[in-house]
């Protein structure tokens, strides 16, 4: 079996740890300590984050979508595949090196999606984008941790507490959806979303296409139209 080769390291800004990009043949992995955050062979649940969200806003003209966390681009590519030509997609990525990896060693994984004219890359905290938006997005898709807690950096907790939920609600248009990816269930987060006034569903989905571990995607729809 081919050995893993470490290609690069990157420090997460703020109070975060260190990301490591590894490669084995055509397979890539991004690690945080002993935790594998993502693997290029497993994209099913990240793609579902985009497609399930789009189902809830597909009747909208000129939809505007915020994706928190570039990762390996699976959510972005899936969103671009279903969104109309007049859509706008903002991708907020905190770690500049992740964007560089997308254009460098992982270019084949990304397949040019960063050059799509609908896409704008913001190198910074997705929380800043959310707090600055006032009814500006039709969908907010978050995949910046392994669940609704600050794994990559502790300050990310504020994305998932009541304040973060209220900020996301204010950033969405009526009928817009907040979608959050997680490696597992979290009943307290479901409760917070419902307490925040969202119509909430937690969907179980496979890590791979019909195989692999089960992950969870919360789909929280803001009241109104």
Protein backbone atom coordinates (compact mmCIF):
# COMPACT_ATOMS: atom_id res chain seq x y z
CA UNK A 1 0.00 0.00 0.00
CA UNK A 2 1.23 3.48 -0.81
CA UNK A 3 2.33 5.54 2.21
CA UNK A 4 0.76 8.86 3.17
CA UNK A 5 2.89 11.88 2.28
CA UNK A 6 2.44 15.17 4.13
CA UNK A 7 2.30 17.96 1.55
CA UNK A 8 1.78 21.04 3.68
CA UNK A 9 0.75 22.48 7.05
CA UNK A 10 -1.30 25.54 7.89
CA UNK A 11 -2.14 27.24 11.17
CA UNK A 12 -5.80 28.09 11.71
CA UNK A 13 -6.07 31.84 12.45
CA UNK A 14 -7.15 32.88 15.89
CA UNK A 15 -7.26 30.18 18.54
CA UNK A 16 -7.20 27.23 16.13
CA UNK A 17 -4.77 24.36 15.71
CA UNK A 18 -2.81 23.17 12.71
CA UNK A 19 -4.19 21.63 9.52
CA UNK A 20 -2.15 19.07 7.62
CA UNK A 21 -2.68 18.17 3.97
CA UNK A 22 -1.73 14.58 3.16
CA UNK A 23 -1.71 12.58 -0.06
CA UNK A 24 -1.63 8.85 -0.87
CA UNK A 25 -1.68 8.23 -4.60
CA UNK A 26 -4.72 10.14 -5.88
CA UNK A 27 -6.32 10.30 -2.40
CA UNK A 28 -6.12 13.42 -0.22
CA UNK A 29 -6.79 13.94 3.47
CA UNK A 30 -6.98 17.07 5.63
CA UNK A 31 -6.16 16.40 9.27
CA UNK A 32 -6.51 18.38 12.48
CA UNK A 33 -4.37 16.58 15.02
CA UNK A 34 -5.57 12.97 15.04
CA UNK A 35 -8.93 13.93 13.51
CA UNK A 36 -9.48 13.52 9.79
CA UNK A 37 -11.67 16.45 8.82
CA UNK A 38 -12.19 15.32 5.23
CA UNK A 39 -11.08 12.77 2.68
CA UNK A 40 -11.30 13.02 -1.09
CA UNK A 41 -12.81 9.52 -1.32
CA UNK A 42 -15.85 10.42 0.82
CA UNK A 43 -18.02 13.22 -0.52
CA UNK A 44 -21.61 12.02 -0.24
CA UNK A 45 -22.75 13.91 2.86
CA UNK A 46 -20.96 17.12 1.84
CA UNK A 47 -22.75 16.99 -1.51
CA UNK A 48 -26.05 16.32 0.26
CA UNK A 49 -25.51 19.50 2.28
CA UNK A 50 -25.87 21.43 -0.98
CA UNK A 51 -28.54 19.39 -2.75
CA UNK A 52 -30.89 19.07 0.24
CA UNK A 53 -30.61 22.80 0.86
CA UNK A 54 -31.34 23.65 -2.75
CA UNK A 55 -34.54 21.59 -2.64
CA UNK A 56 -35.88 24.14 -0.17
CA UNK A 57 -35.05 27.24 -2.26
CA UNK A 58 -35.26 25.93 -5.83
CA UNK A 59 -38.21 28.14 -6.77
CA UNK A 60 -36.24 31.34 -6.09
CA UNK A 61 -34.87 33.61 -8.75
CA UNK A 62 -31.27 34.80 -8.43
CA UNK A 63 -30.63 32.80 -5.25
CA UNK A 64 -27.70 33.85 -3.09
CA UNK A 65 -25.91 31.15 -1.11
CA UNK A 66 -23.22 31.35 1.57
CA UNK A 67 -20.98 28.32 2.07
CA UNK A 68 -18.92 28.31 5.26
CA UNK A 69 -15.82 26.17 4.76
CA UNK A 70 -14.26 25.38 1.38
CA UNK A 71 -12.88 22.01 2.40
CA UNK A 72 -12.30 19.88 -0.68
CA UNK A 73 -14.96 21.70 -2.66
CA UNK A 74 -17.57 18.93 -2.64
CA UNK A 75 -20.36 21.13 -1.29
CA UNK A 76 -19.44 23.94 -3.68
CA UNK A 77 -19.36 21.69 -6.73
CA UNK A 78 -22.69 20.10 -5.80
CA UNK A 79 -24.25 23.54 -5.31
CA UNK A 80 -22.99 24.80 -8.67
CA UNK A 81 -24.40 21.70 -10.37
CA UNK A 82 -27.96 22.51 -9.28
CA UNK A 83 -28.02 26.30 -8.92
CA UNK A 84 -29.18 28.42 -11.89
CA UNK A 85 -26.85 30.56 -13.96
CA UNK A 86 -27.95 33.76 -12.20
CA UNK A 87 -27.11 32.45 -8.70
CA UNK A 88 -24.44 33.96 -6.47
CA UNK A 89 -22.27 31.79 -4.22
CA UNK A 90 -20.02 33.23 -1.53
CA UNK A 91 -17.51 30.78 -0.04
CA UNK A 92 -15.98 31.86 3.28
CA UNK A 93 -12.73 30.04 4.09
CA UNK A 94 -10.81 31.02 7.20
CA UNK A 95 -7.48 29.38 6.26
CA UNK A 96 -5.87 30.93 3.16
CA UNK A 97 -3.76 27.81 2.61
CA UNK A 98 -6.91 25.76 1.97
CA UNK A 99 -7.69 28.01 -1.01
CA UNK A 100 -4.08 27.63 -2.19
CA UNK A 101 -4.35 23.83 -1.89
CA UNK A 102 -7.51 23.95 -4.00
CA UNK A 103 -5.67 25.73 -6.80
CA UNK A 104 -2.47 23.72 -6.32
CA UNK A 105 -2.09 20.05 -5.30
CA UNK A 106 -5.86 19.40 -5.19
CA UNK A 107 -6.72 21.16 -8.46
CA UNK A 108 -7.95 17.89 -9.97
CA UNK A 109 -10.36 17.40 -7.05
CA UNK A 110 -11.78 20.90 -7.47
CA UNK A 111 -12.11 20.67 -11.27
CA UNK A 112 -12.01 24.43 -11.78
CA UNK A 113 -15.06 25.22 -9.63
CA UNK A 114 -13.35 28.22 -8.03
CA UNK A 115 -13.25 29.88 -11.46
CA UNK A 116 -17.02 29.62 -11.96
CA UNK A 117 -18.32 33.21 -12.49
CA UNK A 118 -21.01 32.65 -9.85
CA UNK A 119 -18.39 32.12 -7.13
CA UNK A 120 -16.77 34.67 -4.82
CA UNK A 121 -14.12 33.56 -2.32
CA UNK A 122 -13.91 35.39 1.01
CA UNK A 123 -10.79 34.52 3.00
CA UNK A 124 -11.99 35.10 6.52
CA UNK A 125 -14.45 34.12 9.24
CA UNK A 126 -17.85 33.02 7.96
CA UNK A 127 -19.30 34.49 11.16
CA UNK A 128 -18.28 37.95 9.95
CA UNK A 129 -20.18 37.43 6.70
CA UNK A 130 -23.26 36.21 8.56
CA UNK A 131 -23.28 39.12 11.01
CA UNK A 132 -22.86 41.66 8.21
CA UNK A 133 -25.71 40.28 6.11
CA UNK A 134 -29.24 41.50 6.72
CA UNK A 135 -31.72 39.24 4.97
CA UNK A 136 -29.03 38.84 2.32
CA UNK A 137 -28.93 35.07 1.72
CA UNK A 138 -31.37 32.39 0.63
CA UNK A 139 -29.22 29.62 2.09
CA UNK A 140 -26.34 29.40 4.56
CA UNK A 141 -24.42 26.11 4.46
CA UNK A 142 -21.97 25.49 7.30
CA UNK A 143 -19.28 22.81 7.23
CA UNK A 144 -16.48 24.42 9.24
CA UNK A 145 -16.29 21.91 12.11
CA UNK A 146 -17.11 18.23 12.62
CA UNK A 147 -20.43 19.29 14.12
CA UNK A 148 -22.15 22.14 15.98
CA UNK A 149 -19.22 22.89 18.26
CA UNK A 150 -15.90 24.64 17.77
CA UNK A 151 -13.61 21.74 16.82
CA UNK A 152 -11.29 23.62 14.47
CA UNK A 153 -11.17 26.56 16.90
CA UNK A 154 -13.04 27.21 20.13
CA UNK A 155 -14.42 30.57 19.01
CA UNK A 156 -16.51 28.75 16.39
CA UNK A 157 -18.87 27.79 19.23
CA UNK A 158 -20.54 31.15 18.69
CA UNK A 159 -21.78 29.95 15.29
CA UNK A 160 -23.95 27.35 17.01
CA UNK A 161 -25.12 28.99 20.22
CA UNK A 162 -28.32 31.02 20.49
CA UNK A 163 -26.53 34.18 19.40
CA UNK A 164 -25.14 32.48 16.31
CA UNK A 165 -28.51 30.98 15.44
CA UNK A 166 -30.18 34.39 15.75
CA UNK A 167 -27.47 35.97 13.58
CA UNK A 168 -28.01 33.33 10.88
CA UNK A 169 -31.75 33.90 11.06
CA UNK A 170 -31.24 37.64 10.55
CA UNK A 171 -28.91 36.97 7.60
CA UNK A 172 -31.50 34.83 5.80
CA UNK A 173 -34.42 35.97 3.72
CA UNK A 174 -37.85 34.65 4.68
CA UNK A 175 -38.10 30.97 3.79
CA UNK A 176 -34.31 30.69 3.61
CA UNK A 177 -32.47 27.68 4.97
CA UNK A 178 -29.63 27.27 7.45
CA UNK A 179 -27.94 23.92 6.82
CA UNK A 180 -25.26 22.52 9.13
CA UNK A 181 -23.12 19.41 8.53
CA UNK A 182 -22.10 17.15 11.41
CA UNK A 183 -20.31 13.84 11.88
CA UNK A 184 -23.03 12.83 14.35
CA UNK A 185 -26.30 13.79 16.05
CA UNK A 186 -26.70 16.54 18.64
CA UNK A 187 -30.15 16.83 20.21
CA UNK A 188 -29.26 20.04 22.05
CA UNK A 189 -28.45 21.78 18.77
CA UNK A 190 -31.75 20.61 17.30
CA UNK A 191 -33.49 22.13 20.31
CA UNK A 192 -31.62 25.43 19.96
CA UNK A 193 -32.61 25.70 16.30
CA UNK A 194 -36.26 25.09 17.15
CA UNK A 195 -36.09 27.53 20.06
CA UNK A 196 -34.66 30.06 17.60
CA UNK A 197 -37.83 29.87 15.52
CA UNK A 198 -36.60 27.61 12.71
CA UNK A 199 -38.64 24.75 11.27
CA UNK A 200 -35.95 22.11 11.79
CA UNK A 201 -35.19 18.68 10.38
CA UNK A 202 -32.12 16.54 11.13
CA UNK A 203 -31.36 14.27 8.18
CA UNK A 204 -29.11 11.21 8.38
CA UNK A 205 -26.94 10.67 5.30
CA UNK A 206 -24.00 8.46 4.34
CA UNK A 207 -20.42 9.74 4.18
CA UNK A 208 -19.98 8.03 0.81
CA UNK A 209 -22.52 7.45 -1.90
CA UNK A 210 -24.65 4.79 -0.25
CA UNK A 211 -21.83 3.63 2.03
CA UNK A 212 -19.64 4.71 4.91
CA UNK A 213 -20.46 6.27 8.26
CA UNK A 214 -23.72 8.09 8.84
CA UNK A 215 -23.51 11.85 9.15
CA UNK A 216 -26.19 14.40 10.06
CA UNK A 217 -27.37 17.49 8.22
CA UNK A 218 -29.64 19.98 9.94
CA UNK A 219 -32.02 21.82 7.62
CA UNK A 220 -33.52 24.79 9.45
CA UNK A 221 -35.96 26.95 7.50
CA UNK A 222 -36.72 30.53 8.54
CA UNK A 223 -40.42 31.43 8.63
CA UNK A 224 -41.79 33.69 5.92
CA UNK A 225 -41.31 34.01 2.18
